Amino acid sequence: MNTLDQERAQYAWERANRNTVVDGYREMVKGAPALVMGNGLMATLAYYRSRTGCNERAAQLILGDLLGWLAKRHIVPADFSTAMNAFFKAEAQDVMRATDEALAMLRWLRQFADAVKDA
């Protein structure tokens, strides 16, 4: 039986291996925790959803990584609109739990994105 942290690490490792080939992904992942802490999870998700032009693909992958993890943990659905609606109706403690969970996964994703680069 894996610990929750091991599950986060495995999820992040799989995403890092798949996504670091996309231009801008590694750099964007490095800044993701700061975005969440500074602006909140919902605003960060909206930011990644709205990105166009340069690094658009990287932003969409990070959005998918975050929503995919939160859906795997049964916090919100993986679909952006459905997840946002769930957050609008959620209690503050549930949004805080989602934020904490997103930050915990992003810590692993940041580390692995750099590790994959050097592998």
C-alpha atoms as a PDB file:
ATOM      1  CA  MET A   1       0.000   0.000   0.000  1.00  0.00           C
ATOM      2  CA  ASN A   2       1.456   3.316  -1.103  1.00  0.00           C
ATOM      3  CA  THR A   3       1.317   6.444   1.006  1.00  0.00           C
ATOM      4  CA  LEU A   4      -0.476   9.505  -0.312  1.00  0.00           C
ATOM      5  CA  ASP A   5       2.875  11.186  -0.861  1.00  0.00           C
ATOM      6  CA  GLN A   6       4.058   8.209  -2.921  1.00  0.00           C
ATOM      7  CA  GLU A   7       0.897   8.465  -5.021  1.00  0.00           C
ATOM      8  CA  ARG A   8       1.539  12.165  -5.574  1.00  0.00           C
ATOM      9  CA  ALA A   9       5.127  11.429  -6.559  1.00  0.00           C
ATOM     10  CA  GLN A  10       4.096   8.703  -9.006  1.00  0.00           C
ATOM     11  CA  TYR A  11       1.456  10.934 -10.605  1.00  0.00           C
ATOM     12  CA  ALA A  12       3.930  13.825 -10.902  1.00  0.00           C
ATOM     13  CA  TRP A  13       6.647  11.556 -12.324  1.00  0.00           C
ATOM     14  CA  GLU A  14       4.327  10.277 -15.044  1.00  0.00           C
ATOM     15  CA  ARG A  15       3.242  13.814 -15.959  1.00  0.00           C
ATOM     16  CA  ALA A  16       6.781  15.192 -15.935  1.00  0.00           C
ATOM     17  CA  ASN A  17       8.005  12.431 -18.231  1.00  0.00           C
ATOM     18  CA  ARG A  18       5.163  13.055 -20.642  1.00  0.00           C
ATOM     19  CA  ASN A  19       5.007  16.849 -20.572  1.00  0.00           C
ATOM     20  CA  THR A  20       8.548  18.199 -20.262  1.00  0.00           C
ATOM     21  CA  VAL A  21       9.028  17.747 -24.012  1.00  0.00           C
ATOM     22  CA  VAL A  22       6.602  20.662 -24.514  1.00  0.00           C
ATOM     23  CA  ASP A  23       8.299  24.064 -24.780  1.00  0.00           C
ATOM     24  CA  GLY A  24       7.767  26.193 -21.698  1.00  0.00           C
ATOM     25  CA  TYR A  25       6.314  23.426 -19.519  1.00  0.00           C
ATOM     26  CA  ARG A  26       9.295  23.116 -17.174  1.00  0.00           C
ATOM     27  CA  GLU A  27       9.514  26.858 -16.638  1.00  0.00           C
ATOM     28  CA  MET A  28       5.778  27.218 -16.114  1.00  0.00           C
ATOM     29  CA  VAL A  29       5.678  24.347 -13.609  1.00  0.00           C
ATOM     30  CA  LYS A  30       8.413  26.023 -11.575  1.00  0.00           C
ATOM     31  CA  GLY A  31       6.211  29.100 -11.123  1.00  0.00           C
ATOM     32  CA  ALA A  32       2.964  27.236 -10.484  1.00  0.00           C
ATOM     33  CA  PRO A  33       3.216  26.984  -6.670  1.00  0.00           C
ATOM     34  CA  ALA A  34       3.873  30.721  -6.396  1.00  0.00           C
ATOM     35  CA  LEU A  35       0.826  31.423  -8.564  1.00  0.00           C
ATOM     36  CA  VAL A  36      -1.357  29.253  -6.347  1.00  0.00           C
ATOM     37  CA  MET A  37      -0.037  30.797  -3.133  1.00  0.00           C
ATOM     38  CA  GLY A  38      -0.230  34.362  -4.424  1.00  0.00           C
ATOM     39  CA  ASN A  39      -3.523  34.250  -6.307  1.00  0.00           C
ATOM     40  CA  GLY A  40      -5.375  31.209  -5.025  1.00  0.00           C
ATOM     41  CA  LEU A  41      -6.135  27.923  -6.708  1.00  0.00           C
ATOM     42  CA  MET A  42      -9.230  29.042  -8.616  1.00  0.00           C
ATOM     43  CA  ALA A  43      -7.512  32.102 -10.098  1.00  0.00           C
ATOM     44  CA  THR A  44      -4.510  29.983 -11.053  1.00  0.00           C
ATOM     45  CA  LEU A  45      -6.691  27.424 -12.811  1.00  0.00           C
ATOM     46  CA  ALA A  46      -8.443  30.247 -14.673  1.00  0.00           C
ATOM     47  CA  TYR A  47      -5.079  31.745 -15.638  1.00  0.00           C
ATOM     48  CA  TYR A  48      -3.865  28.470 -17.141  1.00  0.00           C
ATOM     49  CA  ARG A  49      -7.186  28.000 -18.924  1.00  0.00           C
ATOM     50  CA  SER A  50      -7.023  31.468 -20.473  1.00  0.00           C
ATOM     51  CA  ARG A  51      -3.418  31.323 -21.702  1.00  0.00           C
ATOM     52  CA  THR A  52      -3.068  31.746 -25.449  1.00  0.00           C
ATOM     53  CA  GLY A  53      -0.124  32.205 -27.747  1.00  0.00           C
ATOM     54  CA  CYS A  54       3.303  31.534 -26.317  1.00  0.00           C
ATOM     55  CA  ASN A  55       3.318  28.514 -23.987  1.00  0.00           C
ATOM     56  CA  GLU A  56      -0.397  27.885 -24.500  1.00  0.00           C
ATOM     57  CA  ARG A  57       0.170  24.122 -24.768  1.00  0.00           C
ATOM     58  CA  ALA A  58       2.285  24.092 -21.581  1.00  0.00           C
ATOM     59  CA  ALA A  59      -0.423  25.989 -19.692  1.00  0.00           C
ATOM     60  CA  GLN A  60      -3.103  23.549 -20.850  1.00  0.00           C
ATOM     61  CA  LEU A  61      -0.955  20.602 -19.731  1.00  0.00           C
ATOM     62  CA  ILE A  62      -0.433  22.090 -16.267  1.00  0.00           C
ATOM     63  CA  LEU A  63      -4.162  22.775 -15.997  1.00  0.00           C
ATOM     64  CA  GLY A  64      -4.789  19.143 -16.901  1.00  0.00           C
ATOM     65  CA  ASP A  65      -2.162  17.955 -14.426  1.00  0.00           C
ATOM     66  CA  LEU A  66      -3.768  19.922 -11.592  1.00  0.00           C
ATOM     67  CA  LEU A  67      -7.367  19.030 -12.380  1.00  0.00           C
ATOM     68  CA  GLY A  68      -6.406  15.421 -13.074  1.00  0.00           C
ATOM     69  CA  TRP A  69      -4.808  15.087  -9.660  1.00  0.00           C
ATOM     70  CA  LEU A  70      -7.698  16.766  -7.854  1.00  0.00           C
ATOM     71  CA  ALA A  71     -10.132  14.474  -9.676  1.00  0.00           C
ATOM     72  CA  LYS A  72      -8.052  11.428  -8.773  1.00  0.00           C
ATOM     73  CA  ARG A  73      -8.324  12.495  -5.122  1.00  0.00           C
ATOM     74  CA  HIS A  74     -12.128  12.940  -5.586  1.00  0.00           C
ATOM     75  CA  ILE A  75     -11.955  16.629  -4.714  1.00  0.00           C
ATOM     76  CA  VAL A  76     -13.377  18.099  -7.940  1.00  0.00           C
ATOM     77  CA  PRO A  77     -14.128  16.727 -11.422  1.00  0.00           C
ATOM     78  CA  ALA A  78     -11.363  16.891 -14.053  1.00  0.00           C
ATOM     79  CA  ASP A  79     -13.413  19.163 -16.344  1.00  0.00           C
ATOM     80  CA  PHE A  80     -12.510  22.847 -15.885  1.00  0.00           C
ATOM     81  CA  SER A  81     -16.050  24.283 -15.910  1.00  0.00           C
ATOM     82  CA  THR A  82     -17.445  21.575 -13.664  1.00  0.00           C
ATOM     83  CA  ALA A  83     -14.526  21.937 -11.268  1.00  0.00           C
ATOM     84  CA  MET A  84     -14.956  25.703 -11.056  1.00  0.00           C
ATOM     85  CA  ASN A  85     -18.675  25.312 -10.364  1.00  0.00           C
ATOM     86  CA  ALA A  86     -17.840  22.806  -7.641  1.00  0.00           C
ATOM     87  CA  PHE A  87     -15.425  25.309  -6.085  1.00  0.00           C
ATOM     88  CA  PHE A  88     -18.068  28.061  -6.191  1.00  0.00           C
ATOM     89  CA  LYS A  89     -20.399  25.857  -4.145  1.00  0.00           C
ATOM     90  CA  ALA A  90     -17.716  24.417  -1.840  1.00  0.00           C
ATOM     91  CA  GLU A  91     -17.110  25.271   1.779  1.00  0.00           C
ATOM     92  CA  ALA A  92     -13.942  27.237   2.510  1.00  0.00           C
ATOM     93  CA  GLN A  93     -12.318  24.215   4.151  1.00  0.00           C
ATOM     94  CA  ASP A  94     -12.853  22.162   0.967  1.00  0.00           C
ATOM     95  CA  VAL A  95     -11.210  24.834  -1.174  1.00  0.00           C
ATOM     96  CA  MET A  96      -8.323  24.935   1.300  1.00  0.00           C
ATOM     97  CA  ARG A  97      -7.995  21.150   1.097  1.00  0.00           C
ATOM     98  CA  ALA A  98      -7.912  21.345  -2.709  1.00  0.00           C
ATOM     99  CA  THR A  99      -5.286  24.081  -2.563  1.00  0.00           C
ATOM    100  CA  ASP A 100      -3.121  22.107  -0.148  1.00  0.00           C
ATOM    101  CA  GLU A 101      -3.422  19.010  -2.310  1.00  0.00           C
ATOM    102  CA  ALA A 102      -2.546  20.938  -5.478  1.00  0.00           C
ATOM    103  CA  LEU A 103       0.515  22.471  -3.809  1.00  0.00           C
ATOM    104  CA  ALA A 104       1.680  19.101  -2.498  1.00  0.00           C
ATOM    105  CA  MET A 105       1.494  17.576  -5.980  1.00  0.00           C
ATOM    106  CA  LEU A 106       3.157  20.623  -7.561  1.00  0.00           C
ATOM    107  CA  ARG A 107       6.141  20.265  -5.226  1.00  0.00           C
ATOM    108  CA  TRP A 108       6.793  16.846  -6.753  1.00  0.00           C
ATOM    109  CA  LEU A 109       6.050  18.013 -10.283  1.00  0.00           C
ATOM    110  CA  ARG A 110       8.549  20.874  -9.992  1.00  0.00           C
ATOM    111  CA  GLN A 111      11.290  18.540  -8.812  1.00  0.00           C
ATOM    112  CA  PHE A 112      10.593  15.875 -11.404  1.00  0.00           C
ATOM    113  CA  ALA A 113      10.365  18.338 -14.286  1.00  0.00           C
ATOM    114  CA  ASP A 114      13.968  19.304 -13.555  1.00  0.00           C
ATOM    115  CA  ALA A 115      15.049  15.701 -12.987  1.00  0.00           C
ATOM    116  CA  VAL A 116      13.605  14.569 -16.326  1.00  0.00           C
ATOM    117  CA  LYS A 117      15.502  17.368 -18.063  1.00  0.00           C
ATOM    118  CA  ASP A 118      18.782  15.967 -16.765  1.00  0.00           C
ATOM    119  CA  ALA A 119      17.945  12.290 -17.289  1.00  0.00           C
END
